[in-house]
Amino acid sequence: MINGAHVIIYSRDAEADRAFLRDVLGYHHVDAGHGWLIFRLPPAEVAVHPAEGETSHELFLMCDDIAATMADLAAKGVEFTIPVTEERWGLRTALRLPGGSDLGLYEPRHPVAI
């Protein structure tokens, strides 16, 4: 039986992004050996969207209050790369990881599976 999912973020600065997940987001972690940190994520859900052409995968963190979450993260020095936009499914923004990539953040306005 499948009992979980393992998400991988590829990074130009893996150490900095690991520190971000550990120190800024406060995610519990284990050391899988040689300093290789594996983080516990909050409960998750998966959606399958139609695609034309090449397929891709995205990772969005979810929150109950996007304004409060952004204020908390901004106080910790987190940079947001796009303004909050209202989509039919919720409020969304993105934050910059230290390694240079963006990570989605949204407040769902749809029923959630978790």
PDB file of N, CA and C in Angstrom:
ATOM      1  N   MET A   1       0.842  -1.179   0.000  1.00  0.00           N
ATOM      2  CA  MET A   1       0.000   0.000   0.000  1.00  0.00           C
ATOM      3  C   MET A   1       0.887   1.243   0.000  1.00  0.00           C
ATOM      4  N   ILE A   2       0.506   2.221  -0.779  1.00  0.00           N
ATOM      5  CA  ILE A   2       1.234   3.495  -0.789  1.00  0.00           C
ATOM      6  C   ILE A   2       0.896   4.229   0.498  1.00  0.00           C
ATOM      7  N   ASN A   3       1.933   4.712   1.196  1.00  0.00           N
ATOM      8  CA  ASN A   3       1.700   5.360   2.488  1.00  0.00           C
ATOM      9  C   ASN A   3       2.213   6.784   2.547  1.00  0.00           C
ATOM     10  N   GLY A   4       2.612   7.346   1.421  1.00  0.00           N
ATOM     11  CA  GLY A   4       3.098   8.722   1.424  1.00  0.00           C
ATOM     12  C   GLY A   4       3.596   9.122   0.054  1.00  0.00           C
ATOM     13  N   ALA A   5       4.102  10.328  -0.022  1.00  0.00           N
ATOM     14  CA  ALA A   5       4.688  10.858  -1.252  1.00  0.00           C
ATOM     15  C   ALA A   5       5.998  11.550  -0.888  1.00  0.00           C
ATOM     16  N   HIS A   6       6.935  11.486  -1.780  1.00  0.00           N
ATOM     17  CA  HIS A   6       8.237  12.131  -1.575  1.00  0.00           C
ATOM     18  C   HIS A   6       8.391  13.196  -2.655  1.00  0.00           C
ATOM     19  N   VAL A   7       8.444  14.448  -2.257  1.00  0.00           N
ATOM     20  CA  VAL A   7       8.565  15.581  -3.179  1.00  0.00           C
ATOM     21  C   VAL A   7      10.029  15.971  -3.262  1.00  0.00           C
ATOM     22  N   ILE A   8      10.511  16.249  -4.462  1.00  0.00           N
ATOM     23  CA  ILE A   8      11.898  16.684  -4.652  1.00  0.00           C
ATOM     24  C   ILE A   8      11.899  18.077  -5.260  1.00  0.00           C
ATOM     25  N   ILE A   9      12.652  18.975  -4.651  1.00  0.00           N
ATOM     26  CA  ILE A   9      12.888  20.315  -5.208  1.00  0.00           C
ATOM     27  C   ILE A   9      14.329  20.340  -5.680  1.00  0.00           C
ATOM     28  N   TYR A  10      14.529  20.548  -6.966  1.00  0.00           N
ATOM     29  CA  TYR A  10      15.890  20.688  -7.489  1.00  0.00           C
ATOM     30  C   TYR A  10      16.305  22.138  -7.318  1.00  0.00           C
ATOM     31  N   SER A  11      17.521  22.360  -6.856  1.00  0.00           N
ATOM     32  CA  SER A  11      17.957  23.694  -6.454  1.00  0.00           C
ATOM     33  C   SER A  11      19.375  23.993  -6.916  1.00  0.00           C
ATOM     34  N   ARG A  12      19.611  25.263  -7.215  1.00  0.00           N
ATOM     35  CA  ARG A  12      20.977  25.711  -7.521  1.00  0.00           C
ATOM     36  C   ARG A  12      21.793  25.904  -6.246  1.00  0.00           C
ATOM     37  N   ASP A  13      21.105  25.977  -5.090  1.00  0.00           N
ATOM     38  CA  ASP A  13      21.766  26.110  -3.790  1.00  0.00           C
ATOM     39  C   ASP A  13      20.995  25.275  -2.769  1.00  0.00           C
ATOM     40  N   ALA A  14      21.201  23.973  -2.836  1.00  0.00           N
ATOM     41  CA  ALA A  14      20.439  23.048  -1.994  1.00  0.00           C
ATOM     42  C   ALA A  14      20.634  23.316  -0.505  1.00  0.00           C
ATOM     43  N   GLU A  15      21.840  23.638  -0.090  1.00  0.00           N
ATOM     44  CA  GLU A  15      22.088  23.910   1.333  1.00  0.00           C
ATOM     45  C   GLU A  15      21.249  25.088   1.815  1.00  0.00           C
ATOM     46  N   ALA A  16      21.202  26.163   1.029  1.00  0.00           N
ATOM     47  CA  ALA A  16      20.425  27.348   1.425  1.00  0.00           C
ATOM     48  C   ALA A  16      18.933  27.027   1.458  1.00  0.00           C
ATOM     49  N   ASP A  17      18.458  26.266   0.475  1.00  0.00           N
ATOM     50  CA  ASP A  17      17.036  25.924   0.471  1.00  0.00           C
ATOM     51  C   ASP A  17      16.689  24.973   1.608  1.00  0.00           C
ATOM     52  N   ARG A  18      17.589  24.056   1.954  1.00  0.00           N
ATOM     53  CA  ARG A  18      17.350  23.194   3.113  1.00  0.00           C
ATOM     54  C   ARG A  18      17.287  24.028   4.390  1.00  0.00           C
ATOM     55  N   ALA A  19      18.185  24.995   4.526  1.00  0.00           N
ATOM     56  CA  ALA A  19      18.173  25.877   5.697  1.00  0.00           C
ATOM     57  C   ALA A  19      16.871  26.671   5.754  1.00  0.00           C
ATOM     58  N   PHE A  20      16.370  27.100   4.611  1.00  0.00           N
ATOM     59  CA  PHE A  20      15.101  27.834   4.546  1.00  0.00           C
ATOM     60  C   PHE A  20      13.961  26.962   5.069  1.00  0.00           C
ATOM     61  N   LEU A  21      13.869  25.737   4.580  1.00  0.00           N
ATOM     62  CA  LEU A  21      12.811  24.835   5.037  1.00  0.00           C
ATOM     63  C   LEU A  21      12.935  24.539   6.527  1.00  0.00           C
ATOM     64  N   ARG A  22      14.163  24.401   7.000  1.00  0.00           N
ATOM     65  CA  ARG A  22      14.412  24.089   8.410  1.00  0.00           C
ATOM     66  C   ARG A  22      14.191  25.308   9.297  1.00  0.00           C
ATOM     67  N   ASP A  23      14.820  26.438   8.958  1.00  0.00           N
ATOM     68  CA  ASP A  23      14.877  27.582   9.864  1.00  0.00           C
ATOM     69  C   ASP A  23      13.737  28.582   9.676  1.00  0.00           C
ATOM     70  N   VAL A  24      13.330  28.824   8.447  1.00  0.00           N
ATOM     71  CA  VAL A  24      12.276  29.815   8.193  1.00  0.00           C
ATOM     72  C   VAL A  24      10.897  29.177   8.284  1.00  0.00           C
ATOM     73  N   LEU A  25      10.703  28.066   7.578  1.00  0.00           N
ATOM     74  CA  LEU A  25       9.399  27.413   7.633  1.00  0.00           C
ATOM     75  C   LEU A  25       9.252  26.510   8.854  1.00  0.00           C
ATOM     76  N   GLY A  26      10.368  26.169   9.491  1.00  0.00           N
ATOM     77  CA  GLY A  26      10.322  25.376  10.717  1.00  0.00           C
ATOM     78  C   GLY A  26       9.880  23.944  10.517  1.00  0.00           C
ATOM     79  N   TYR A  27      10.128  23.371   9.347  1.00  0.00           N
ATOM     80  CA  TYR A  27       9.708  22.004   9.077  1.00  0.00           C
ATOM     81  C   TYR A  27      10.588  21.012   9.822  1.00  0.00           C
ATOM     82  N   HIS A  28       9.938  20.069  10.495  1.00  0.00           N
ATOM     83  CA  HIS A  28      10.642  18.980  11.164  1.00  0.00           C
ATOM     84  C   HIS A  28      11.387  18.185  10.104  1.00  0.00           C
ATOM     85  N   HIS A  29      12.549  17.668  10.464  1.00  0.00           N
ATOM     86  CA  HIS A  29      13.353  16.941   9.478  1.00  0.00           C
ATOM     87  C   HIS A  29      14.128  15.809  10.136  1.00  0.00           C
ATOM     88  N   VAL A  30      14.610  14.929   9.296  1.00  0.00           N
ATOM     89  CA  VAL A  30      15.534  13.887   9.708  1.00  0.00           C
ATOM     90  C   VAL A  30      16.761  14.001   8.824  1.00  0.00           C
ATOM     91  N   ASP A  31      17.887  13.531   9.332  1.00  0.00           N
ATOM     92  CA  ASP A  31      19.115  13.500   8.542  1.00  0.00           C
ATOM     93  C   ASP A  31      19.224  12.096   7.967  1.00  0.00           C
ATOM     94  N   ALA A  32      19.115  11.999   6.651  1.00  0.00           N
ATOM     95  CA  ALA A  32      19.176  10.702   5.984  1.00  0.00           C
ATOM     96  C   ALA A  32      20.612  10.230   5.797  1.00  0.00           C
ATOM     97  N   GLY A  33      21.550  10.993   6.306  1.00  0.00           N
ATOM     98  CA  GLY A  33      22.965  10.658   6.204  1.00  0.00           C
ATOM     99  C   GLY A  33      23.733  11.730   5.468  1.00  0.00           C
ATOM    100  N   HIS A  34      24.916  12.040   5.973  1.00  0.00           N
ATOM    101  CA  HIS A  34      25.814  13.019   5.343  1.00  0.00           C
ATOM    102  C   HIS A  34      25.181  14.411   5.238  1.00  0.00           C
ATOM    103  N   GLY A  35      24.312  14.766   6.188  1.00  0.00           N
ATOM    104  CA  GLY A  35      23.685  16.081   6.176  1.00  0.00           C
ATOM    105  C   GLY A  35      22.539  16.227   5.190  1.00  0.00           C
ATOM    106  N   TRP A  36      22.112  15.115   4.604  1.00  0.00           N
ATOM    107  CA  TRP A  36      21.023  15.141   3.632  1.00  0.00           C
ATOM    108  C   TRP A  36      19.707  15.185   4.400  1.00  0.00           C
ATOM    109  N   LEU A  37      19.079  16.358   4.493  1.00  0.00           N
ATOM    110  CA  LEU A  37      17.871  16.536   5.293  1.00  0.00           C
ATOM    111  C   LEU A  37      16.629  16.183   4.488  1.00  0.00           C
ATOM    112  N   ILE A  38      15.735  15.436   5.108  1.00  0.00           N
ATOM    113  CA  ILE A  38      14.436  15.095   4.536  1.00  0.00           C
ATOM    114  C   ILE A  38      13.394  15.722   5.464  1.00  0.00           C
ATOM    115  N   PHE A  39      12.494  16.509   4.909  1.00  0.00           N
ATOM    116  CA  PHE A  39      11.544  17.295   5.692  1.00  0.00           C
ATOM    117  C   PHE A  39      10.148  16.693   5.684  1.00  0.00           C
ATOM    118  N   ARG A  40       9.510  16.762   6.854  1.00  0.00           N
ATOM    119  CA  ARG A  40       8.096  16.403   6.950  1.00  0.00           C
ATOM    120  C   ARG A  40       7.294  17.583   6.423  1.00  0.00           C
ATOM    121  N   LEU A  41       6.402  17.313   5.507  1.00  0.00           N
ATOM    122  CA  LEU A  41       5.527  18.348   4.969  1.00  0.00           C
ATOM    123  C   LEU A  41       4.186  18.310   5.680  1.00  0.00           C
ATOM    124  N   PRO A  42       3.447  19.402   5.567  1.00  0.00           N
ATOM    125  CA  PRO A  42       2.082  19.368   6.083  1.00  0.00           C
ATOM    126  C   PRO A  42       1.267  18.359   5.274  1.00  0.00           C
ATOM    127  N   PRO A  43       0.063  18.024   5.742  1.00  0.00           N
ATOM    128  CA  PRO A  43      -0.792  17.158   4.929  1.00  0.00           C
ATOM    129  C   PRO A  43      -0.891  17.715   3.512  1.00  0.00           C
ATOM    130  N   ALA A  44      -1.078  16.835   2.553  1.00  0.00           N
ATOM    131  CA  ALA A  44      -1.039  17.250   1.155  1.00  0.00           C
ATOM    132  C   ALA A  44      -2.216  16.688   0.379  1.00  0.00           C
ATOM    133  N   GLU A  45      -2.427  17.235  -0.782  1.00  0.00           N
ATOM    134  CA  GLU A  45      -3.374  16.712  -1.740  1.00  0.00           C
ATOM    135  C   GLU A  45      -2.751  16.826  -3.119  1.00  0.00           C
ATOM    136  N   VAL A  46      -3.247  16.090  -4.066  1.00  0.00           N
ATOM    137  CA  VAL A  46      -2.713  16.128  -5.428  1.00  0.00           C
ATOM    138  C   VAL A  46      -3.877  16.342  -6.395  1.00  0.00           C
ATOM    139  N   ALA A  47      -3.641  17.156  -7.401  1.00  0.00           N
ATOM    140  CA  ALA A  47      -4.628  17.407  -8.446  1.00  0.00           C
ATOM    141  C   ALA A  47      -3.972  17.116  -9.789  1.00  0.00           C
ATOM    142  N   VAL A  48      -4.760  16.666 -10.737  1.00  0.00           N
ATOM    143  CA  VAL A  48      -4.263  16.404 -12.081  1.00  0.00           C
ATOM    144  C   VAL A  48      -4.952  17.376 -13.026  1.00  0.00           C
ATOM    145  N   HIS A  49      -4.151  18.198 -13.701  1.00  0.00           N
ATOM    146  CA  HIS A  49      -4.675  19.204 -14.621  1.00  0.00           C
ATOM    147  C   HIS A  49      -4.350  18.787 -16.053  1.00  0.00           C
ATOM    148  N   PRO A  50      -5.209  19.126 -16.997  1.00  0.00           N
ATOM    149  CA  PRO A  50      -4.904  18.810 -18.395  1.00  0.00           C
ATOM    150  C   PRO A  50      -3.733  19.662 -18.887  1.00  0.00           C
ATOM    151  N   ALA A  51      -2.980  19.118 -19.834  1.00  0.00           N
ATOM    152  CA  ALA A  51      -1.837  19.834 -20.391  1.00  0.00           C
ATOM    153  C   ALA A  51      -1.799  19.629 -21.893  1.00  0.00           C
ATOM    154  N   GLU A  52      -1.378  20.653 -22.589  1.00  0.00           N
ATOM    155  CA  GLU A  52      -1.113  20.550 -24.016  1.00  0.00           C
ATOM    156  C   GLU A  52       0.388  20.688 -24.181  1.00  0.00           C
ATOM    157  N   GLY A  53       0.998  19.796 -24.909  1.00  0.00           N
ATOM    158  CA  GLY A  53       2.447  19.860 -25.085  1.00  0.00           C
ATOM    159  C   GLY A  53       3.155  19.219 -23.909  1.00  0.00           C
ATOM    160  N   GLU A  54       4.291  19.795 -23.528  1.00  0.00           N
ATOM    161  CA  GLU A  54       5.111  19.248 -22.443  1.00  0.00           C
ATOM    162  C   GLU A  54       4.359  19.300 -21.115  1.00  0.00           C
ATOM    163  N   THR A  55       4.568  18.284 -20.304  1.00  0.00           N
ATOM    164  CA  THR A  55       3.958  18.267 -18.978  1.00  0.00           C
ATOM    165  C   THR A  55       4.957  18.775 -17.953  1.00  0.00           C
ATOM    166  N   SER A  56       4.451  19.170 -16.802  1.00  0.00           N
ATOM    167  CA  SER A  56       5.306  19.641 -15.719  1.00  0.00           C
ATOM    168  C   SER A  56       4.613  19.341 -14.399  1.00  0.00           C
ATOM    169  N   HIS A  57       5.319  19.587 -13.313  1.00  0.00           N
ATOM    170  CA  HIS A  57       4.772  19.415 -11.976  1.00  0.00           C
ATOM    171  C   HIS A  57       5.035  20.692 -11.203  1.00  0.00           C
ATOM    172  N   GLU A  58       4.136  21.044 -10.298  1.00  0.00           N
ATOM    173  CA  GLU A  58       4.295  22.233  -9.477  1.00  0.00           C
ATOM    174  C   GLU A  58       4.068  21.866  -8.014  1.00  0.00           C
ATOM    175  N   LEU A  59       4.671  22.649  -7.136  1.00  0.00           N
ATOM    176  CA  LEU A  59       4.461  22.477  -5.709  1.00  0.00           C
ATOM    177  C   LEU A  59       3.946  23.803  -5.151  1.00  0.00           C
ATOM    178  N   PHE A  60       2.793  23.753  -4.530  1.00  0.00           N
ATOM    179  CA  PHE A  60       2.221  24.901  -3.842  1.00  0.00           C
ATOM    180  C   PHE A  60       2.061  24.551  -2.374  1.00  0.00           C
ATOM    181  N   LEU A  61       2.467  25.445  -1.495  1.00  0.00           N
ATOM    182  CA  LEU A  61       2.143  25.315  -0.081  1.00  0.00           C
ATOM    183  C   LEU A  61       0.783  25.955   0.114  1.00  0.00           C
ATOM    184  N   MET A  62      -0.013  25.407   1.026  1.00  0.00           N
ATOM    185  CA  MET A  62      -1.353  25.917   1.282  1.00  0.00           C
ATOM    186  C   MET A  62      -1.397  26.575   2.665  1.00  0.00           C
ATOM    187  N   CYS A  63      -2.255  27.586   2.797  1.00  0.00           N
ATOM    188  CA  CYS A  63      -2.423  28.256   4.090  1.00  0.00           C
ATOM    189  C   CYS A  63      -3.882  28.650   4.262  1.00  0.00           C
ATOM    190  N   ASP A  64      -4.261  28.945   5.500  1.00  0.00           N
ATOM    191  CA  ASP A  64      -5.634  29.359   5.798  1.00  0.00           C
ATOM    192  C   ASP A  64      -5.843  30.846   5.581  1.00  0.00           C
ATOM    193  N   ASP A  65      -4.795  31.655   5.728  1.00  0.00           N
ATOM    194  CA  ASP A  65      -4.894  33.113   5.636  1.00  0.00           C
ATOM    195  C   ASP A  65      -3.641  33.631   4.949  1.00  0.00           C
ATOM    196  N   ILE A  66      -3.745  33.936   3.669  1.00  0.00           N
ATOM    197  CA  ILE A  66      -2.559  34.294   2.897  1.00  0.00           C
ATOM    198  C   ILE A  66      -1.928  35.600   3.390  1.00  0.00           C
ATOM    199  N   ALA A  67      -2.739  36.561   3.794  1.00  0.00           N
ATOM    200  CA  ALA A  67      -2.185  37.833   4.274  1.00  0.00           C
ATOM    201  C   ALA A  67      -1.372  37.629   5.548  1.00  0.00           C
ATOM    202  N   ALA A  68      -1.915  36.875   6.494  1.00  0.00           N
ATOM    203  CA  ALA A  68      -1.208  36.622   7.757  1.00  0.00           C
ATOM    204  C   ALA A  68       0.048  35.789   7.514  1.00  0.00           C
ATOM    205  N   THR A  69      -0.047  34.804   6.641  1.00  0.00           N
ATOM    206  CA  THR A  69       1.109  33.959   6.342  1.00  0.00           C
ATOM    207  C   THR A  69       2.204  34.776   5.683  1.00  0.00           C
ATOM    208  N   MET A  70       1.835  35.630   4.740  1.00  0.00           N
ATOM    209  CA  MET A  70       2.831  36.476   4.076  1.00  0.00           C
ATOM    210  C   MET A  70       3.482  37.438   5.065  1.00  0.00           C
ATOM    211  N   ALA A  71       2.700  38.010   5.971  1.00  0.00           N
ATOM    212  CA  ALA A  71       3.255  38.935   6.963  1.00  0.00           C
ATOM    213  C   ALA A  71       4.257  38.209   7.858  1.00  0.00           C
ATOM    214  N   ASP A  72       3.909  37.005   8.286  1.00  0.00           N
ATOM    215  CA  ASP A  72       4.805  36.216   9.126  1.00  0.00           C
ATOM    216  C   ASP A  72       6.100  35.883   8.385  1.00  0.00           C
ATOM    217  N   LEU A  73       5.981  35.446   7.150  1.00  0.00           N
ATOM    218  CA  LEU A  73       7.172  35.088   6.378  1.00  0.00           C
ATOM    219  C   LEU A  73       7.996  36.322   6.002  1.00  0.00           C
ATOM    220  N   ALA A  74       7.343  37.432   5.681  1.00  0.00           N
ATOM    221  CA  ALA A  74       8.068  38.665   5.349  1.00  0.00           C
ATOM    222  C   ALA A  74       8.894  39.138   6.542  1.00  0.00           C
ATOM    223  N   ALA A  75       8.352  38.963   7.749  1.00  0.00           N
ATOM    224  CA  ALA A  75       9.095  39.343   8.955  1.00  0.00           C
ATOM    225  C   ALA A  75      10.351  38.498   9.132  1.00  0.00           C
ATOM    226  N   LYS A  76      10.385  37.334   8.485  1.00  0.00           N
ATOM    227  CA  LYS A  76      11.556  36.459   8.527  1.00  0.00           C
ATOM    228  C   LYS A  76      12.459  36.669   7.318  1.00  0.00           C
ATOM    229  N   GLY A  77      12.158  37.701   6.516  1.00  0.00           N
ATOM    230  CA  GLY A  77      12.999  38.034   5.379  1.00  0.00           C
ATOM    231  C   GLY A  77      12.632  37.359   4.069  1.00  0.00           C
ATOM    232  N   VAL A  78      11.482  36.707   4.008  1.00  0.00           N
ATOM    233  CA  VAL A  78      11.083  36.019   2.786  1.00  0.00           C
ATOM    234  C   VAL A  78      10.639  37.041   1.740  1.00  0.00           C
ATOM    235  N   GLU A  79      11.105  36.839   0.508  1.00  0.00           N
ATOM    236  CA  GLU A  79      10.741  37.696  -0.626  1.00  0.00           C
ATOM    237  C   GLU A  79       9.614  37.030  -1.402  1.00  0.00           C
ATOM    238  N   PHE A  80       8.596  37.794  -1.744  1.00  0.00           N
ATOM    239  CA  PHE A  80       7.501  37.312  -2.579  1.00  0.00           C
ATOM    240  C   PHE A  80       7.721  37.830  -3.991  1.00  0.00           C
ATOM    241  N   THR A  81       7.565  36.946  -4.967  1.00  0.00           N
ATOM    242  CA  THR A  81       7.945  37.280  -6.337  1.00  0.00           C
ATOM    243  C   THR A  81       6.788  37.730  -7.207  1.00  0.00           C
ATOM    244  N   ILE A  82       5.575  37.475  -6.778  1.00  0.00           N
ATOM    245  CA  ILE A  82       4.410  37.978  -7.507  1.00  0.00           C
ATOM    246  C   ILE A  82       3.397  38.485  -6.489  1.00  0.00           C
ATOM    247  N   PRO A  83       2.622  39.482  -6.874  1.00  0.00           N
ATOM    248  CA  PRO A  83       1.586  39.958  -5.952  1.00  0.00           C
ATOM    249  C   PRO A  83       0.491  38.907  -5.810  1.00  0.00           C
ATOM    250  N   VAL A  84      -0.278  39.027  -4.755  1.00  0.00           N
ATOM    251  CA  VAL A  84      -1.405  38.119  -4.551  1.00  0.00           C
ATOM    252  C   VAL A  84      -2.414  38.361  -5.677  1.00  0.00           C
ATOM    253  N   THR A  85      -2.818  37.278  -6.297  1.00  0.00           N
ATOM    254  CA  THR A  85      -3.861  37.363  -7.318  1.00  0.00           C
ATOM    255  C   THR A  85      -5.016  36.477  -6.904  1.00  0.00           C
ATOM    256  N   GLU A  86      -6.209  36.884  -7.301  1.00  0.00           N
ATOM    257  CA  GLU A  86      -7.394  36.090  -7.000  1.00  0.00           C
ATOM    258  C   GLU A  86      -7.710  35.244  -8.220  1.00  0.00           C
ATOM    259  N   GLU A  87      -7.656  33.942  -8.023  1.00  0.00           N
ATOM    260  CA  GLU A  87      -8.009  32.984  -9.057  1.00  0.00           C
ATOM    261  C   GLU A  87      -9.366  32.404  -8.689  1.00  0.00           C
ATOM    262  N   ARG A  88     -10.000  31.706  -9.588  1.00  0.00           N
ATOM    263  CA  ARG A  88     -11.310  31.132  -9.254  1.00  0.00           C
ATOM    264  C   ARG A  88     -11.200  30.097  -8.145  1.00  0.00           C
ATOM    265  N   TRP A  89      -9.996  29.550  -7.933  1.00  0.00           N
ATOM    266  CA  TRP A  89      -9.770  28.503  -6.936  1.00  0.00           C
ATOM    267  C   TRP A  89      -9.153  29.008  -5.637  1.00  0.00           C
ATOM    268  N   GLY A  90      -8.752  30.289  -5.598  1.00  0.00           N
ATOM    269  CA  GLY A  90      -8.190  30.826  -4.363  1.00  0.00           C
ATOM    270  C   GLY A  90      -7.275  32.011  -4.591  1.00  0.00           C
ATOM    271  N   LEU A  91      -6.612  32.427  -3.522  1.00  0.00           N
ATOM    272  CA  LEU A  91      -5.645  33.522  -3.581  1.00  0.00           C
ATOM    273  C   LEU A  91      -4.260  32.919  -3.694  1.00  0.00           C
ATOM    274  N   ARG A  92      -3.440  33.452  -4.593  1.00  0.00           N
ATOM    275  CA  ARG A  92      -2.123  32.850  -4.819  1.00  0.00           C
ATOM    276  C   ARG A  92      -1.030  33.890  -4.903  1.00  0.00           C
ATOM    277  N   THR A  93       0.153  33.463  -4.501  1.00  0.00           N
ATOM    278  CA  THR A  93       1.382  34.238  -4.653  1.00  0.00           C
ATOM    279  C   THR A  93       2.518  33.231  -4.816  1.00  0.00           C
ATOM    280  N   ALA A  94       3.724  33.717  -4.818  1.00  0.00           N
ATOM    281  CA  ALA A  94       4.892  32.835  -4.863  1.00  0.00           C
ATOM    282  C   ALA A  94       5.993  33.466  -4.031  1.00  0.00           C
ATOM    283  N   LEU A  95       6.780  32.627  -3.399  1.00  0.00           N
ATOM    284  CA  LEU A  95       7.908  33.124  -2.615  1.00  0.00           C
ATOM    285  C   LEU A  95       9.204  32.620  -3.233  1.00  0.00           C
ATOM    286  N   ARG A  96      10.269  33.355  -3.008  1.00  0.00           N
ATOM    287  CA  ARG A  96      11.565  33.018  -3.578  1.00  0.00           C
ATOM    288  C   ARG A  96      12.354  32.174  -2.596  1.00  0.00           C
ATOM    289  N   LEU A  97      12.786  31.016  -3.032  1.00  0.00           N
ATOM    290  CA  LEU A  97      13.697  30.198  -2.238  1.00  0.00           C
ATOM    291  C   LEU A  97      15.111  30.756  -2.369  1.00  0.00           C
ATOM    292  N   PRO A  98      15.960  30.575  -1.371  1.00  0.00           N
ATOM    293  CA  PRO A  98      17.325  31.099  -1.455  1.00  0.00           C
ATOM    294  C   PRO A  98      18.093  30.600  -2.680  1.00  0.00           C
ATOM    295  N   GLY A  99      17.767  29.398  -3.164  1.00  0.00           N
ATOM    296  CA  GLY A  99      18.427  28.848  -4.341  1.00  0.00           C
ATOM    297  C   GLY A  99      17.993  29.490  -5.647  1.00  0.00           C
ATOM    298  N   GLY A 100      17.000  30.392  -5.584  1.00  0.00           N
ATOM    299  CA  GLY A 100      16.592  31.150  -6.761  1.00  0.00           C
ATOM    300  C   GLY A 100      15.283  30.738  -7.391  1.00  0.00           C
ATOM    301  N   SER A 101      14.723  29.604  -7.014  1.00  0.00           N
ATOM    302  CA  SER A 101      13.456  29.205  -7.624  1.00  0.00           C
ATOM    303  C   SER A 101      12.274  29.722  -6.815  1.00  0.00           C
ATOM    304  N   ASP A 102      11.127  29.695  -7.429  1.00  0.00           N
ATOM    305  CA  ASP A 102       9.900  30.143  -6.780  1.00  0.00           C
ATOM    306  C   ASP A 102       9.117  28.951  -6.249  1.00  0.00           C
ATOM    307  N   LEU A 103       8.405  29.183  -5.173  1.00  0.00           N
ATOM    308  CA  LEU A 103       7.554  28.180  -4.553  1.00  0.00           C
ATOM    309  C   LEU A 103       6.178  28.803  -4.395  1.00  0.00           C
ATOM    310  N   GLY A 104       5.155  28.143  -4.930  1.00  0.00           N
ATOM    311  CA  GLY A 104       3.800  28.677  -4.850  1.00  0.00           C
ATOM    312  C   GLY A 104       3.247  28.631  -3.434  1.00  0.00           C
ATOM    313  N   LEU A 105       2.402  29.591  -3.129  1.00  0.00           N
ATOM    314  CA  LEU A 105       1.693  29.656  -1.853  1.00  0.00           C
ATOM    315  C   LEU A 105       0.279  30.090  -2.161  1.00  0.00           C
ATOM    316  N   TYR A 106      -0.706  29.345  -1.620  1.00  0.00           N
ATOM    317  CA  TYR A 106      -2.075  29.789  -1.866  1.00  0.00           C
ATOM    318  C   TYR A 106      -3.019  29.474  -0.730  1.00  0.00           C
ATOM    319  N   GLU A 107      -4.063  30.299  -0.686  1.00  0.00           N
ATOM    320  CA  GLU A 107      -5.187  30.127   0.241  1.00  0.00           C
ATOM    321  C   GLU A 107      -6.336  29.574  -0.584  1.00  0.00           C
ATOM    322  N   PRO A 108      -6.656  28.292  -0.415  1.00  0.00           N
ATOM    323  CA  PRO A 108      -7.708  27.705  -1.235  1.00  0.00           C
ATOM    324  C   PRO A 108      -9.069  28.314  -0.957  1.00  0.00           C
ATOM    325  N   ARG A 109      -9.829  28.450  -2.001  1.00  0.00           N
ATOM    326  CA  ARG A 109     -11.225  28.884  -1.890  1.00  0.00           C
ATOM    327  C   ARG A 109     -12.142  27.787  -2.423  1.00  0.00           C
ATOM    328  N   HIS A 110     -11.617  26.576  -2.486  1.00  0.00           N
ATOM    329  CA  HIS A 110     -12.348  25.406  -2.942  1.00  0.00           C
ATOM    330  C   HIS A 110     -12.346  24.378  -1.815  1.00  0.00           C
ATOM    331  N   PRO A 111     -13.216  23.404  -1.873  1.00  0.00           N
ATOM    332  CA  PRO A 111     -13.147  22.342  -0.871  1.00  0.00           C
ATOM    333  C   PRO A 111     -11.773  21.670  -0.939  1.00  0.00           C
ATOM    334  N   VAL A 112     -11.195  21.370   0.204  1.00  0.00           N
ATOM    335  CA  VAL A 112      -9.890  20.718   0.233  1.00  0.00           C
ATOM    336  C   VAL A 112     -10.051  19.268   0.670  1.00  0.00           C
ATOM    337  N   ALA A 113      -9.083  18.456   0.266  1.00  0.00           N
ATOM    338  CA  ALA A 113      -9.153  17.024   0.559  1.00  0.00           C
ATOM    339  C   ALA A 113      -8.458  16.656   1.856  1.00  0.00           C
ATOM    340  N   ILE A 114      -7.859  17.633   2.545  1.00  0.00           N
ATOM    341  CA  ILE A 114      -7.141  17.328   3.785  1.00  0.00           C
ATOM    342  C   ILE A 114      -7.900  17.869   4.978  1.00  0.00           C
TER     343      ILE A 114
END
